[in-house]
Amino acid sequence: MRLNTIKPNPKRTRNKKRVGRGSGSGYGKTSGRGHKGMKSRSGGKVRIGFEGGQMPLQKRVPKYG
């Protein structure tokens, strides 16, 4: 077996999920994002370390050094 002879498994490849293309597709309307909240908005990314209003771990542990 050589690296240049390896081929991808044809059974393993999946079709792309096309979202927002009608309710009959199963991924229409909200496109699998739910209704409200940060991750449902466009450009809605939660910043690193954000825990939904709970005091983040970084601030809960005591300072040292």
N, C-alpha and C. Protein backbone atom coordinates (compact mmCIF):
# COMPACT_ATOMS: atom_id res chain seq x y z
N MET A 1 0.83 -1.18 0.00
CA MET A 1 0.00 0.00 0.00
C MET A 1 0.89 1.26 0.00
N ARG A 2 0.59 2.15 -0.93
CA ARG A 2 1.34 3.39 -1.03
C ARG A 2 0.40 4.57 -0.85
N LEU A 3 0.95 5.70 -0.46
CA LEU A 3 0.12 6.88 -0.22
C LEU A 3 -0.55 7.39 -1.49
N ASN A 4 0.09 7.19 -2.65
CA ASN A 4 -0.50 7.69 -3.89
C ASN A 4 -1.56 6.75 -4.46
N THR A 5 -1.75 5.59 -3.86
CA THR A 5 -2.78 4.66 -4.36
C THR A 5 -4.03 4.65 -3.50
N ILE A 6 -4.02 5.42 -2.40
CA ILE A 6 -5.19 5.43 -1.50
C ILE A 6 -6.31 6.25 -2.12
N LYS A 7 -7.54 5.71 -2.09
CA LYS A 7 -8.71 6.41 -2.60
C LYS A 7 -9.72 6.57 -1.46
N PRO A 8 -10.50 7.64 -1.48
CA PRO A 8 -11.51 7.81 -0.43
C PRO A 8 -12.60 6.76 -0.56
N ASN A 9 -13.13 6.35 0.57
CA ASN A 9 -14.20 5.35 0.59
C ASN A 9 -15.48 5.97 0.03
N PRO A 10 -16.04 5.45 -1.07
CA PRO A 10 -17.23 6.06 -1.67
C PRO A 10 -18.46 5.98 -0.77
N LYS A 11 -18.52 5.00 0.10
CA LYS A 11 -19.68 4.85 0.99
C LYS A 11 -19.64 5.86 2.13
N ARG A 12 -18.47 6.39 2.41
CA ARG A 12 -18.30 7.29 3.55
C ARG A 12 -18.72 8.72 3.23
N THR A 13 -18.69 9.13 1.98
CA THR A 13 -18.98 10.52 1.64
C THR A 13 -20.46 10.81 1.84
N ARG A 14 -20.74 11.98 2.39
CA ARG A 14 -22.13 12.38 2.62
C ARG A 14 -22.45 13.59 1.78
N ASN A 15 -23.74 13.75 1.45
CA ASN A 15 -24.17 14.92 0.71
C ASN A 15 -24.18 16.14 1.62
N LYS A 16 -23.98 17.32 1.02
CA LYS A 16 -24.02 18.55 1.80
C LYS A 16 -25.44 18.82 2.28
N LYS A 17 -25.55 19.38 3.49
CA LYS A 17 -26.84 19.73 4.03
C LYS A 17 -27.21 21.12 3.52
N ARG A 18 -28.21 21.19 2.64
CA ARG A 18 -28.63 22.48 2.10
C ARG A 18 -29.75 23.02 2.98
N VAL A 19 -29.46 24.09 3.68
CA VAL A 19 -30.43 24.61 4.64
C VAL A 19 -31.13 25.84 4.07
N GLY A 20 -32.33 26.11 4.61
CA GLY A 20 -33.09 27.28 4.21
C GLY A 20 -33.69 27.17 2.82
N ARG A 21 -34.04 25.95 2.42
CA ARG A 21 -34.61 25.75 1.09
C ARG A 21 -36.00 25.13 1.16
N GLY A 22 -36.85 25.68 2.01
CA GLY A 22 -38.23 25.23 2.08
C GLY A 22 -38.48 24.27 3.23
N SER A 23 -39.73 24.26 3.71
CA SER A 23 -40.07 23.46 4.88
C SER A 23 -40.06 21.97 4.58
N GLY A 24 -40.26 21.57 3.34
CA GLY A 24 -40.27 20.15 2.98
C GLY A 24 -38.91 19.49 3.11
N SER A 25 -37.85 20.29 3.11
CA SER A 25 -36.50 19.72 3.20
C SER A 25 -36.17 19.27 4.61
N GLY A 26 -36.92 19.78 5.60
CA GLY A 26 -36.61 19.46 6.99
C GLY A 26 -35.65 20.46 7.61
N TYR A 27 -35.05 21.31 6.78
CA TYR A 27 -34.12 22.33 7.28
C TYR A 27 -34.51 23.70 6.77
N GLY A 28 -35.81 23.96 6.65
CA GLY A 28 -36.27 25.26 6.22
C GLY A 28 -36.46 26.19 7.41
N LYS A 29 -37.09 27.31 7.18
CA LYS A 29 -37.39 28.31 8.19
C LYS A 29 -36.18 28.70 9.02
N THR A 30 -35.93 28.06 10.15
CA THR A 30 -34.82 28.47 11.02
C THR A 30 -33.52 27.78 10.65
N SER A 31 -33.54 26.88 9.71
CA SER A 31 -32.34 26.21 9.19
C SER A 31 -31.56 25.45 10.25
N GLY A 32 -32.27 24.82 11.16
CA GLY A 32 -31.63 23.99 12.17
C GLY A 32 -30.96 24.76 13.28
N ARG A 33 -31.25 26.07 13.38
CA ARG A 33 -30.59 26.90 14.40
C ARG A 33 -31.46 27.15 15.63
N GLY A 34 -32.70 26.70 15.63
CA GLY A 34 -33.60 27.03 16.74
C GLY A 34 -34.22 28.39 16.51
N HIS A 35 -34.83 28.96 17.55
CA HIS A 35 -35.55 30.22 17.36
C HIS A 35 -34.78 31.44 17.83
N LYS A 36 -34.38 31.46 19.09
CA LYS A 36 -33.71 32.66 19.59
C LYS A 36 -32.37 32.28 20.19
N GLY A 37 -31.61 33.29 20.57
CA GLY A 37 -30.33 33.05 21.22
C GLY A 37 -29.17 33.48 20.35
N MET A 38 -28.00 33.48 20.96
CA MET A 38 -26.79 33.99 20.31
C MET A 38 -26.45 33.22 19.05
N LYS A 39 -26.54 31.90 19.10
CA LYS A 39 -26.09 31.10 17.95
C LYS A 39 -27.10 31.07 16.82
N SER A 40 -28.30 31.62 17.03
CA SER A 40 -29.28 31.65 15.95
C SER A 40 -29.15 32.91 15.11
N ARG A 41 -28.45 33.91 15.62
CA ARG A 41 -28.30 35.19 14.89
C ARG A 41 -27.21 35.08 13.83
N SER A 42 -27.30 35.98 12.86
CA SER A 42 -26.23 36.01 11.87
C SER A 42 -25.01 36.65 12.51
N GLY A 43 -23.87 36.03 12.31
CA GLY A 43 -22.64 36.51 12.93
C GLY A 43 -22.61 36.28 14.43
N GLY A 44 -23.49 35.42 14.92
CA GLY A 44 -23.60 35.19 16.36
C GLY A 44 -22.61 34.16 16.85
N LYS A 45 -21.46 34.62 17.29
CA LYS A 45 -20.47 33.72 17.85
C LYS A 45 -20.29 34.09 19.32
N VAL A 46 -20.27 33.08 20.17
CA VAL A 46 -20.05 33.31 21.59
C VAL A 46 -18.55 33.40 21.81
N ARG A 47 -18.13 34.42 22.54
CA ARG A 47 -16.69 34.61 22.73
C ARG A 47 -16.10 33.48 23.56
N ILE A 48 -14.83 33.26 23.42
CA ILE A 48 -14.13 32.18 24.10
C ILE A 48 -14.20 32.41 25.61
N GLY A 49 -14.62 31.39 26.34
CA GLY A 49 -14.69 31.48 27.79
C GLY A 49 -16.02 31.97 28.31
N PHE A 50 -16.93 32.38 27.42
CA PHE A 50 -18.25 32.87 27.86
C PHE A 50 -19.10 31.70 28.28
N GLU A 51 -19.74 31.80 29.46
CA GLU A 51 -20.52 30.69 30.00
C GLU A 51 -21.97 31.09 30.23
N GLY A 52 -22.50 31.96 29.38
CA GLY A 52 -23.91 32.30 29.46
C GLY A 52 -24.28 33.19 30.62
N GLY A 53 -23.37 34.00 31.12
CA GLY A 53 -23.66 34.89 32.23
C GLY A 53 -23.13 34.36 33.55
N GLN A 54 -22.88 33.06 33.62
CA GLN A 54 -22.25 32.49 34.82
C GLN A 54 -20.82 33.01 34.90
N MET A 55 -20.31 33.13 36.13
CA MET A 55 -18.94 33.61 36.30
C MET A 55 -17.98 32.64 35.62
N PRO A 56 -17.19 33.09 34.65
CA PRO A 56 -16.32 32.19 33.89
C PRO A 56 -15.27 31.52 34.77
N LEU A 57 -14.82 30.38 34.34
CA LEU A 57 -13.84 29.60 35.09
C LEU A 57 -12.57 30.41 35.34
N GLN A 58 -12.19 31.19 34.35
CA GLN A 58 -10.97 32.00 34.45
C GLN A 58 -11.05 33.01 35.60
N LYS A 59 -12.25 33.49 35.89
CA LYS A 59 -12.42 34.46 36.98
C LYS A 59 -12.74 33.78 38.31
N ARG A 60 -13.17 32.51 38.25
CA ARG A 60 -13.49 31.79 39.48
C ARG A 60 -12.26 31.26 40.21
N VAL A 61 -11.21 30.91 39.44
CA VAL A 61 -10.00 30.37 40.06
C VAL A 61 -9.17 31.51 40.62
N PRO A 62 -8.53 31.32 41.77
CA PRO A 62 -7.74 32.39 42.35
C PRO A 62 -6.50 32.72 41.52
N LYS A 63 -6.08 34.00 41.62
CA LYS A 63 -4.89 34.43 40.89
C LYS A 63 -3.64 33.92 41.61
N TYR A 64 -2.61 33.63 40.83
CA TYR A 64 -1.33 33.25 41.43
C TYR A 64 -0.23 33.58 40.47
N GLY A 65 0.96 33.77 40.97
CA GLY A 65 2.12 34.01 40.13
C GLY A 65 2.35 35.46 39.81
